[in-house]
C-alpha atoms as a PDB file:
ATOM      1  CA  MET A   1     -16.390 -20.860   1.501  1.00  0.00           C
ATOM      2  CA  LYS A   2     -13.189 -20.176   0.111  1.00  0.00           C
ATOM      3  CA  THR A   3     -10.540 -17.859   1.654  1.00  0.00           C
ATOM      4  CA  PHE A   4      -8.466 -15.334  -0.209  1.00  0.00           C
ATOM      5  CA  SER A   5      -5.601 -18.203  -0.380  1.00  0.00           C
ATOM      6  CA  GLU A   6      -7.446 -20.888  -1.585  1.00  0.00           C
ATOM      7  CA  LYS A   7      -9.042 -18.883  -4.112  1.00  0.00           C
ATOM      8  CA  ILE A   8      -5.212 -18.202  -5.959  1.00  0.00           C
ATOM      9  CA  LYS A   9      -3.955 -21.653  -5.654  1.00  0.00           C
ATOM     10  CA  GLU A  10      -7.362 -23.207  -7.133  1.00  0.00           C
ATOM     11  CA  ALA A  11      -7.262 -20.846 -10.109  1.00  0.00           C
ATOM     12  CA  ARG A  12      -3.690 -20.770 -10.593  1.00  0.00           C
ATOM     13  CA  GLU A  13      -3.748 -24.611 -10.699  1.00  0.00           C
ATOM     14  CA  GLU A  14      -6.893 -24.546 -12.759  1.00  0.00           C
ATOM     15  CA  LEU A  15      -4.598 -22.113 -15.430  1.00  0.00           C
ATOM     16  CA  LYS A  16      -1.744 -25.334 -14.831  1.00  0.00           C
ATOM     17  CA  LEU A  17       0.810 -22.080 -14.134  1.00  0.00           C
ATOM     18  CA  ASN A  18       3.474 -22.511 -11.309  1.00  0.00           C
ATOM     19  CA  GLN A  19       4.013 -19.621  -8.883  1.00  0.00           C
ATOM     20  CA  GLN A  20       6.949 -18.144 -10.787  1.00  0.00           C
ATOM     21  CA  GLN A  21       4.901 -18.367 -13.985  1.00  0.00           C
ATOM     22  CA  LEU A  22       1.774 -16.181 -12.371  1.00  0.00           C
ATOM     23  CA  GLY A  23       4.328 -14.122 -10.184  1.00  0.00           C
ATOM     24  CA  GLU A  24       6.045 -12.944 -14.003  1.00  0.00           C
ATOM     25  CA  LEU A  25       2.365 -12.436 -15.075  1.00  0.00           C
ATOM     26  CA  VAL A  26       1.323 -10.245 -12.360  1.00  0.00           C
ATOM     27  CA  GLY A  27       4.385  -8.633 -11.879  1.00  0.00           C
ATOM     28  CA  VAL A  28       5.504 -10.108  -8.504  1.00  0.00           C
ATOM     29  CA  SER A  29       7.811 -12.494  -6.933  1.00  0.00           C
ATOM     30  CA  LYS A  30       7.311 -16.301  -6.717  1.00  0.00           C
ATOM     31  CA  ARG A  31       7.816 -15.361  -2.735  1.00  0.00           C
ATOM     32  CA  SER A  32       4.631 -13.168  -3.081  1.00  0.00           C
ATOM     33  CA  ILE A  33       2.690 -15.664  -4.548  1.00  0.00           C
ATOM     34  CA  ALA A  34       3.103 -18.306  -2.221  1.00  0.00           C
ATOM     35  CA  ALA A  35       2.492 -15.496   0.593  1.00  0.00           C
ATOM     36  CA  TYR A  36      -1.070 -14.952  -0.869  1.00  0.00           C
ATOM     37  CA  GLU A  37      -1.244 -19.128  -1.155  1.00  0.00           C
ATOM     38  CA  THR A  38      -0.513 -19.765   2.394  1.00  0.00           C
ATOM     39  CA  THR A  39      -0.845 -16.614   4.434  1.00  0.00           C
ATOM     40  CA  ASP A  40      -3.718 -14.044   5.161  1.00  0.00           C
ATOM     41  CA  THR A  41      -1.715 -11.739   3.468  1.00  0.00           C
ATOM     42  CA  LYS A  42      -4.267  -9.679   0.325  1.00  0.00           C
ATOM     43  CA  PRO A  43      -2.475  -7.638  -2.405  1.00  0.00           C
ATOM     44  CA  ARG A  44      -3.751  -4.012  -2.784  1.00  0.00           C
ATOM     45  CA  GLY A  45      -5.116  -2.113  -5.852  1.00  0.00           C
ATOM     46  CA  ASN A  46      -3.512  -2.300  -8.721  1.00  0.00           C
ATOM     47  CA  ILE A  47      -1.908  -5.733  -7.755  1.00  0.00           C
ATOM     48  CA  ALA A  48      -5.086  -6.984  -6.512  1.00  0.00           C
ATOM     49  CA  ARG A  49      -6.369  -6.437 -10.106  1.00  0.00           C
ATOM     50  CA  LYS A  50      -3.636  -7.651 -12.260  1.00  0.00           C
ATOM     51  CA  LEU A  51      -4.024 -11.016 -10.299  1.00  0.00           C
ATOM     52  CA  ALA A  52      -7.645 -11.168 -11.378  1.00  0.00           C
ATOM     53  CA  ALA A  53      -7.135 -10.511 -14.736  1.00  0.00           C
ATOM     54  CA  ALA A  54      -3.703 -13.280 -14.465  1.00  0.00           C
ATOM     55  CA  LEU A  55      -5.807 -15.786 -13.377  1.00  0.00           C
ATOM     56  CA  GLN A  56      -9.418 -14.936 -14.825  1.00  0.00           C
ATOM     57  CA  VAL A  57     -11.541 -14.055 -12.226  1.00  0.00           C
ATOM     58  CA  SER A  58     -13.053 -11.162 -10.966  1.00  0.00           C
ATOM     59  CA  VAL A  59     -11.467  -8.974  -8.503  1.00  0.00           C
ATOM     60  CA  ASP A  60     -14.564  -9.173  -6.205  1.00  0.00           C
ATOM     61  CA  TYR A  61     -14.452 -13.000  -6.016  1.00  0.00           C
ATOM     62  CA  LEU A  62     -10.649 -12.970  -5.168  1.00  0.00           C
ATOM     63  CA  LEU A  63     -11.420 -10.337  -2.255  1.00  0.00           C
ATOM     64  CA  ASN A  64     -14.693 -11.800  -1.169  1.00  0.00           C
ATOM     65  CA  ASP A  65     -14.656 -15.243   0.988  1.00  0.00           C
ATOM     66  CA  GLU A  66     -18.377 -14.863   0.432  1.00  0.00           C
ATOM     67  CA  ILE A  67     -18.771 -15.143  -3.347  1.00  0.00           C
ATOM     68  CA  THR A  68     -18.378 -18.064  -4.322  1.00  0.00           C
ATOM     69  CA  ASP A  69     -18.741 -17.508  -8.135  1.00  0.00           C
ATOM     70  CA  PRO A  70     -15.325 -16.710  -9.992  1.00  0.00           C
ATOM     71  CA  LYS A  71     -16.551 -14.600 -13.146  1.00  0.00           C
ATOM     72  CA  TYR A  72     -18.953 -12.626 -10.477  1.00  0.00           C
ATOM     73  CA  GLY A  73     -18.861  -9.140 -11.594  1.00  0.00           C
ATOM     74  CA  ILE A  74     -16.200  -9.314 -14.014  1.00  0.00           C
ATOM     75  CA  GLU A  75     -18.245  -7.832 -16.553  1.00  0.00           C
ATOM     76  CA  LYS A  76     -18.405  -4.710 -14.873  1.00  0.00           C
ATOM     77  CA  ALA A  77     -14.326  -4.500 -14.630  1.00  0.00           C
ATOM     78  CA  PRO A  78     -13.493  -3.037 -18.094  1.00  0.00           C
ATOM     79  CA  TYR A  79     -16.077   0.127 -16.658  1.00  0.00           C
ATOM     80  CA  ILE A  80     -14.630   0.428 -13.579  1.00  0.00           C
ATOM     81  CA  GLU A  81     -11.145   0.512 -14.982  1.00  0.00           C
ATOM     82  CA  GLU A  82     -11.958   3.070 -17.486  1.00  0.00           C
ATOM     83  CA  ALA A  83     -13.314   5.202 -14.569  1.00  0.00           C
ATOM     84  CA  ARG A  84      -9.847   4.935 -13.004  1.00  0.00           C
ATOM     85  CA  GLU A  85      -7.640   5.789 -15.974  1.00  0.00           C
ATOM     86  CA  ARG A  86      -9.935   8.741 -16.356  1.00  0.00           C
ATOM     87  CA  LEU A  87     -10.631  10.072 -13.274  1.00  0.00           C
ATOM     88  CA  GLY A  88      -8.517   8.092 -10.398  1.00  0.00           C
ATOM     89  CA  PRO A  89      -9.158   5.790  -8.074  1.00  0.00           C
ATOM     90  CA  LYS A  90     -12.025   7.264  -6.181  1.00  0.00           C
ATOM     91  CA  ALA A  91     -14.218   7.468  -9.082  1.00  0.00           C
ATOM     92  CA  ALA A  92     -13.245   3.350  -9.654  1.00  0.00           C
ATOM     93  CA  LYS A  93     -15.096   2.748  -6.124  1.00  0.00           C
ATOM     94  CA  GLU A  94     -17.707   4.914  -7.073  1.00  0.00           C
ATOM     95  CA  MET A  95     -17.949   3.330 -10.235  1.00  0.00           C
ATOM     96  CA  ASP A  96     -18.204   0.141  -8.986  1.00  0.00           C
ATOM     97  CA  VAL A  97     -20.561   0.982  -6.272  1.00  0.00           C
ATOM     98  CA  LEU A  98     -22.603   2.511  -8.791  1.00  0.00           C
ATOM     99  CA  LEU A  99     -22.851  -0.479 -11.412  1.00  0.00           C
ATOM    100  CA  GLU A 100     -23.624  -3.146  -8.018  1.00  0.00           C
ATOM    101  CA  GLN A 101     -26.447  -1.451  -6.615  1.00  0.00           C
ATOM    102  CA  ASN A 102     -28.035  -0.456 -10.063  1.00  0.00           C
ATOM    103  CA  VAL A 103     -28.278  -4.405 -11.169  1.00  0.00           C
ATOM    104  CA  ALA A 104     -30.555  -4.418  -8.220  1.00  0.00           C
ATOM    105  CA  LEU A 105     -32.790  -2.626 -10.467  1.00  0.00           C
ATOM    106  CA  PHE A 106     -33.433  -6.265 -12.370  1.00  0.00           C
ATOM    107  CA  ALA A 107     -35.305  -7.865  -9.169  1.00  0.00           C
ATOM    108  CA  GLY A 108     -32.891 -11.136 -10.115  1.00  0.00           C
ATOM    109  CA  GLY A 109     -33.940 -10.989 -13.445  1.00  0.00           C
ATOM    110  CA  ALA A 110     -31.365 -12.585 -15.782  1.00  0.00           C
ATOM    111  CA  LEU A 111     -30.152  -9.963 -18.631  1.00  0.00           C
ATOM    112  CA  ASP A 112     -28.060 -11.738 -21.440  1.00  0.00           C
ATOM    113  CA  GLN A 113     -24.601 -10.242 -21.765  1.00  0.00           C
ATOM    114  CA  GLU A 114     -25.666  -7.672 -24.771  1.00  0.00           C
ATOM    115  CA  ALA A 115     -28.103  -6.088 -22.370  1.00  0.00           C
ATOM    116  CA  LYS A 116     -25.877  -5.755 -19.266  1.00  0.00           C
ATOM    117  CA  ASP A 117     -23.291  -4.237 -21.339  1.00  0.00           C
ATOM    118  CA  ALA A 118     -26.009  -1.628 -23.159  1.00  0.00           C
ATOM    119  CA  PHE A 119     -26.361  -1.204 -19.174  1.00  0.00           C
ATOM    120  CA  PHE A 120     -23.211  -0.810 -17.775  1.00  0.00           C
ATOM    121  CA  GLU A 121     -22.290   1.604 -20.824  1.00  0.00           C
ATOM    122  CA  ALA A 122     -24.973   3.890 -20.123  1.00  0.00           C
ATOM    123  CA  VAL A 123     -24.352   4.534 -16.502  1.00  0.00           C
ATOM    124  CA  MET A 124     -20.731   5.103 -17.608  1.00  0.00           C
ATOM    125  CA  LYS A 125     -21.716   7.603 -19.778  1.00  0.00           C
ATOM    126  CA  ALA A 126     -24.268   8.839 -17.153  1.00  0.00           C
ATOM    127  CA  TYR A 127     -21.445   9.185 -14.871  1.00  0.00           C
ATOM    128  CA  LEU A 128     -18.227  10.401 -16.762  1.00  0.00           C
ATOM    129  CA  LYS A 129     -21.050  13.172 -17.920  1.00  0.00           C
ATOM    130  CA  CYS A 130     -21.698  14.461 -14.515  1.00  0.00           C
ATOM    131  CA  LYS A 131     -18.243  14.108 -13.353  1.00  0.00           C
ATOM    132  CA  GLU A 132     -17.311  16.389 -16.254  1.00  0.00           C
ATOM    133  CA  GLU A 133     -20.202  18.805 -16.075  1.00  0.00           C
ATOM    134  CA  ALA A 134     -19.214  19.034 -11.981  1.00  0.00           C
ATOM    135  CA  ARG A 135     -15.313  19.595 -12.763  1.00  0.00           C
ATOM    136  CA  LYS A 136     -16.367  22.704 -15.236  1.00  0.00           C
ATOM    137  CA  THR A 137     -18.815  24.415 -12.447  1.00  0.00           C
ATOM    138  CA  TYR A 138     -16.433  23.113  -9.519  1.00  0.00           C
ATOM    139  CA  GLY A 139     -13.190  22.449 -10.452  1.00  0.00           C
ATOM    140  CA  ARG A 140     -10.388  24.833  -9.709  1.00  0.00           C
ATOM    141  CA  LYS A 141     -10.682  28.307 -11.835  1.00  0.00           C
ATOM    142  CA  LYS A 142      -7.830  29.193 -13.950  1.00  0.00           C
ATOM    143  CA  GLU A 143      -6.241  32.335 -12.520  1.00  0.00           C
ATOM    144  CA  THR A 144      -5.803  34.940 -15.411  1.00  0.00           C
ATOM    145  CA  ASP A 145      -3.200  37.427 -15.873  1.00  0.00           C
END
């Protein structure tokens, strides 16, 4: 099991980046990258996502010491980000949980990337449709003059 710090350093070195270069890609200082690599300091939200993208690994892999596959869950990222952009951070968390829980439906069977994409797309469309309907029904009512 590797720690967050070990994963950051290893992924950075595999990409042949120095701390300054990684910091520039992520939008943080070299000092922040050094802290991530040498302490138990973990970035929050947006910085963690930028760090994972720059290192070409999943956020799940970076933040969970028990995950050993750098690409674990990476195929979920575009759908989670779309939910975040359209409906905010709470929706992104809900989408992550929804996709993660529904992967269990495949009972350990392997799916090719096309099938995974189709599944994730269908879940995303259903989620967004339900959220839109809920907003219409339960959202703020416009006041009339």
